[in-house]
Amino acid sequence: MKRTALLMLTLLIGQPALADGNGPAVDLAALLPPPPAAGSPAARRDLQGVLAVQAHRTPAEIAAAQADRLHSVFRYADVFGASFTPQQLPRTAAFFARVVAYDKGEVKTVKAFWHHPRPVLVSHAVHPLSQEQPDDWSYPSGHSTLGYTEAVLLANMVPERRAAIFTRADLYAHHRIVMGVHYPSDVEAGRLAGTVLGGRLLDDPAWQADYAAARAELRKALALPDAPTIAAAR
């Protein structure tokens, strides 16, 4: 899977940035591997992954997964502390609200391309913890895509906490399997998609001013230097 991610990023570098009203358009359908074909061994393993998580989910894990249904960068308060709120970080909130809108648009397009059904539509043994929209397909996971897009951006704003940021992104994505609304392959595709989208936003001149304002505000709130040291950036 690491080779797949590297290949996608290599392909992406050669693509021109096609700016729309909200951000650079990315043809995720051309970059992501296809979801497992219905009835294939890979699809059966995918379903078993959902059922295995379902069989062992605890009340605490269920509560955490339900809380992570929120499309918000402020779920990363686990990493940054109680002061990581939209009230205290208005520029950060505005920047990431724009990221949410951008992510949703890009994911909606690729979901419509694949039309991959959610686990509950494939097996009655799946007991999801929420009811998703009937036209909101499974592949890739939108929450996972957003979580990793945000993680890429946050890790570049605050590289001192890079490891903790990506660990939280992993948990945010895993909670979609806990919810019973996504397969492991959906989450993995979201990781790849979010990495690509986050990288494109970092390189897009139209996003630089808002990114810089959010970065400065966040680093100041965390009592960090204006710019990270070389060691922190590694």
Protein backbone atom coordinates (compact mmCIF):
# COMPACT_ATOMS: atom_id res chain seq x y z
CA MET A 1 0.00 0.00 0.00
CA LYS A 2 2.95 2.36 0.58
CA ARG A 3 3.95 1.84 -3.06
CA THR A 4 0.42 2.74 -4.12
CA ALA A 5 0.52 5.97 -2.11
CA LEU A 6 3.90 6.93 -3.57
CA LEU A 7 2.67 6.19 -7.09
CA MET A 8 -0.39 8.36 -6.59
CA LEU A 9 1.64 11.24 -5.27
CA THR A 10 4.03 10.90 -8.21
CA LEU A 11 1.14 10.99 -10.65
CA LEU A 12 -0.32 13.98 -8.87
CA ILE A 13 2.83 16.04 -9.20
CA GLY A 14 2.44 15.94 -12.96
CA GLN A 15 -1.15 17.16 -12.92
CA PRO A 16 -1.96 20.83 -13.48
CA ALA A 17 -3.90 22.58 -10.71
CA LEU A 18 -7.38 23.17 -12.05
CA ALA A 19 -8.75 25.86 -9.76
CA ASP A 20 -12.48 26.00 -9.16
CA GLY A 21 -14.44 28.30 -6.88
CA ASN A 22 -13.16 26.63 -3.72
CA GLY A 23 -9.86 24.93 -4.39
CA PRO A 24 -7.74 22.87 -6.77
CA ALA A 25 -9.74 20.15 -8.49
CA VAL A 26 -8.23 16.68 -8.11
CA ASP A 27 -9.36 13.66 -10.13
CA LEU A 28 -9.43 11.23 -7.23
CA ALA A 29 -11.14 8.58 -9.35
CA ALA A 30 -8.00 8.46 -11.50
CA LEU A 31 -5.68 8.32 -8.49
CA LEU A 32 -7.33 5.92 -6.04
CA PRO A 33 -7.35 2.17 -6.56
CA PRO A 34 -10.85 0.79 -7.20
CA PRO A 35 -12.80 -0.57 -4.24
CA PRO A 36 -13.00 -4.36 -3.87
CA ALA A 37 -15.32 -5.89 -6.45
CA ALA A 38 -18.60 -7.28 -5.14
CA GLY A 39 -18.29 -10.94 -4.19
CA SER A 40 -14.50 -10.97 -4.46
CA PRO A 41 -12.22 -12.38 -1.75
CA ALA A 42 -11.08 -8.82 -1.04
CA ALA A 43 -14.69 -7.71 -0.53
CA ARG A 44 -15.32 -10.60 1.84
CA ARG A 45 -12.22 -9.69 3.86
CA ASP A 46 -13.39 -6.09 3.93
CA LEU A 47 -16.77 -7.11 5.34
CA GLN A 48 -15.14 -9.38 7.90
CA GLY A 49 -13.07 -6.41 9.02
CA VAL A 50 -16.24 -4.47 9.74
CA LEU A 51 -17.84 -7.39 11.59
CA ALA A 52 -14.73 -8.04 13.67
CA VAL A 53 -14.66 -4.44 14.89
CA GLN A 54 -18.40 -4.54 15.51
CA ALA A 55 -18.07 -7.66 17.65
CA HIS A 56 -15.60 -6.02 20.02
CA ARG A 57 -16.69 -2.38 20.18
CA THR A 58 -17.03 -1.12 23.75
CA PRO A 59 -19.39 1.54 25.12
CA ALA A 60 -16.46 3.95 25.44
CA GLU A 61 -15.37 3.28 21.86
CA ILE A 62 -18.93 3.73 20.62
CA ALA A 63 -19.23 7.06 22.40
CA ALA A 64 -15.91 8.25 20.96
CA ALA A 65 -16.89 7.14 17.45
CA GLN A 66 -20.22 8.94 17.68
CA ALA A 67 -18.49 12.11 18.86
CA ASP A 68 -16.19 11.88 15.84
CA ARG A 69 -19.13 12.07 13.46
CA LEU A 70 -18.58 15.82 13.60
CA HIS A 71 -16.83 17.24 10.53
CA SER A 72 -14.57 19.60 12.44
CA VAL A 73 -10.87 20.20 12.88
CA PHE A 74 -11.62 20.84 16.53
CA ARG A 75 -11.85 17.12 17.11
CA TYR A 76 -8.05 17.54 17.28
CA ALA A 77 -8.45 19.16 20.69
CA ASP A 78 -7.13 15.82 21.98
CA VAL A 79 -3.78 16.88 20.54
CA PHE A 80 -3.83 20.64 21.17
CA GLY A 81 -5.72 20.96 24.45
CA ALA A 82 -8.89 22.56 25.75
CA SER A 83 -8.05 25.97 24.28
CA PHE A 84 -8.28 24.53 20.76
CA THR A 85 -11.77 25.92 20.08
CA PRO A 86 -13.36 27.99 17.31
CA GLN A 87 -14.08 30.75 19.80
CA GLN A 88 -10.42 31.16 20.69
CA LEU A 89 -9.10 30.47 17.17
CA PRO A 90 -11.43 32.27 14.72
CA ARG A 91 -8.95 32.38 11.84
CA THR A 92 -8.16 28.71 12.26
CA ALA A 93 -11.88 27.95 12.36
CA ALA A 94 -12.51 29.94 9.18
CA PHE A 95 -9.64 28.28 7.33
CA PHE A 96 -10.69 24.77 8.22
CA ALA A 97 -14.36 25.48 7.48
CA ARG A 98 -13.14 26.22 3.97
CA VAL A 99 -11.21 22.94 4.00
CA VAL A 100 -14.36 21.02 5.00
CA ALA A 101 -16.32 22.50 2.10
CA TYR A 102 -13.51 21.73 -0.34
CA ASP A 103 -13.10 18.16 0.90
CA LYS A 104 -16.82 17.44 0.68
CA GLY A 105 -16.93 18.58 -2.93
CA GLU A 106 -13.97 16.47 -3.99
CA VAL A 107 -15.17 13.35 -2.15
CA LYS A 108 -18.74 13.68 -3.42
CA THR A 109 -17.47 13.49 -6.98
CA VAL A 110 -15.39 10.33 -6.49
CA LYS A 111 -18.08 8.63 -4.41
CA ALA A 112 -20.55 9.18 -7.23
CA PHE A 113 -18.04 7.68 -9.66
CA TRP A 114 -17.65 4.40 -7.74
CA HIS A 115 -21.20 3.95 -6.34
CA HIS A 116 -19.81 1.55 -3.75
CA PRO A 117 -22.54 0.41 -1.30
CA ARG A 118 -22.09 0.77 2.43
CA PRO A 119 -21.63 -2.36 4.59
CA VAL A 120 -25.24 -2.45 5.83
CA LEU A 121 -26.47 -2.73 2.25
CA VAL A 122 -24.25 -5.77 1.70
CA SER A 123 -24.88 -7.74 4.89
CA HIS A 124 -27.70 -7.79 7.44
CA ALA A 125 -25.10 -8.84 10.01
CA VAL A 126 -23.82 -5.25 10.04
CA HIS A 127 -25.43 -3.06 12.71
CA PRO A 128 -24.43 0.54 12.02
CA LEU A 129 -24.60 3.16 14.74
CA SER A 130 -25.95 5.83 12.42
CA GLN A 131 -28.09 6.04 9.31
CA GLU A 132 -26.28 7.62 6.39
CA GLN A 133 -27.87 9.34 3.43
CA PRO A 134 -28.98 6.78 0.79
CA ASP A 135 -27.06 8.56 -1.97
CA ASP A 136 -23.89 8.99 0.11
CA TRP A 137 -21.74 6.11 -1.06
CA SER A 138 -19.08 4.26 0.87
CA TYR A 139 -15.82 4.67 -1.08
CA PRO A 140 -13.79 6.55 -0.06
CA SER A 141 -14.71 7.51 3.49
CA GLY A 142 -15.41 11.23 3.56
CA HIS A 143 -14.63 11.53 7.27
CA SER A 144 -11.32 9.74 6.78
CA THR A 145 -10.44 11.93 3.82
CA LEU A 146 -11.18 15.06 5.82
CA GLY A 147 -9.29 13.81 8.87
CA TYR A 148 -6.14 13.19 6.86
CA THR A 149 -6.47 16.42 4.86
CA GLU A 150 -6.65 18.28 8.15
CA ALA A 151 -3.79 16.23 9.56
CA VAL A 152 -1.50 17.16 6.66
CA LEU A 153 -2.28 20.84 7.15
CA LEU A 154 -2.02 20.76 10.94
CA ALA A 155 1.23 18.80 10.83
CA ASN A 156 2.74 21.48 8.63
CA MET A 157 1.45 24.24 10.89
CA VAL A 158 2.68 22.51 14.05
CA PRO A 159 5.30 19.91 13.07
CA GLU A 160 6.31 19.68 16.73
CA ARG A 161 3.16 17.56 17.20
CA ARG A 162 3.19 15.71 13.88
CA ALA A 163 3.15 12.20 15.35
CA ALA A 164 0.25 12.94 17.70
CA ILE A 165 -1.70 14.63 14.89
CA PHE A 166 -1.47 11.62 12.59
CA THR A 167 -2.23 9.22 15.43
CA ARG A 168 -5.44 11.19 16.05
CA ALA A 169 -6.23 11.10 12.33
CA ASP A 170 -5.86 7.31 12.38
CA LEU A 171 -8.33 7.08 15.26
CA TYR A 172 -10.79 9.49 13.62
CA ALA A 173 -10.74 7.31 10.51
CA HIS A 174 -10.98 4.02 12.43
CA HIS A 175 -14.09 5.28 14.16
CA ARG A 176 -15.92 5.07 10.83
CA ILE A 177 -15.44 1.30 10.96
CA VAL A 178 -16.55 1.29 14.60
CA MET A 179 -19.71 3.09 13.47
CA GLY A 180 -20.31 0.27 11.00
CA VAL A 181 -20.70 2.67 8.08
CA HIS A 182 -17.40 2.09 6.29
CA TYR A 183 -15.07 -0.73 5.30
CA PRO A 184 -11.34 -0.75 6.04
CA SER A 185 -10.75 -0.16 2.31
CA ASP A 186 -12.89 3.01 2.49
CA VAL A 187 -10.76 4.30 5.34
CA GLU A 188 -7.49 3.46 3.57
CA ALA A 189 -8.72 5.23 0.44
CA GLY A 190 -9.61 8.21 2.62
CA ARG A 191 -6.08 8.25 4.00
CA LEU A 192 -4.64 8.38 0.49
CA ALA A 193 -7.18 10.92 -0.74
CA GLY A 194 -6.70 13.18 2.26
CA THR A 195 -2.93 13.09 1.87
CA VAL A 196 -3.27 14.14 -1.76
CA LEU A 197 -5.81 16.89 -1.05
CA GLY A 198 -3.84 18.25 1.87
CA GLY A 199 -0.71 18.40 -0.24
CA ARG A 200 -2.50 20.22 -3.02
CA LEU A 201 -3.85 22.85 -0.63
CA LEU A 202 -0.38 23.47 0.76
CA ASP A 203 0.82 24.20 -2.77
CA ASP A 204 -2.15 26.27 -3.95
CA PRO A 205 -1.40 30.03 -3.97
CA ALA A 206 -5.10 30.82 -3.46
CA TRP A 207 -4.96 29.18 -0.03
CA GLN A 208 -1.66 30.60 1.20
CA ALA A 209 -2.91 33.74 2.94
CA ASP A 210 -5.62 31.94 4.93
CA TYR A 211 -3.23 29.09 5.74
CA ALA A 212 -0.56 31.50 7.00
CA ALA A 213 -3.08 33.39 9.16
CA ALA A 214 -4.38 30.17 10.72
CA ARG A 215 -0.86 28.87 11.27
CA ALA A 216 0.27 32.05 13.00
CA GLU A 217 -2.83 32.13 15.20
CA LEU A 218 -2.51 28.48 16.20
CA ARG A 219 1.21 28.65 16.97
CA LYS A 220 0.70 31.78 19.07
CA ALA A 221 -2.12 30.09 21.04
CA LEU A 222 0.21 27.15 21.71
CA ALA A 223 3.00 29.50 22.85
CA LEU A 224 5.25 28.27 20.04
CA PRO A 225 7.74 30.31 17.98
CA ASP A 226 6.36 31.99 14.87
CA ALA A 227 8.07 29.35 12.72
CA PRO A 228 9.13 25.83 13.67
CA THR A 229 12.78 24.96 13.97
CA ILE A 230 14.44 22.71 11.41
CA ALA A 231 14.49 19.89 13.96
CA ALA A 232 10.73 20.23 14.59
CA ALA A 233 9.99 20.15 10.87
CA ARG A 234 11.71 16.78 10.42
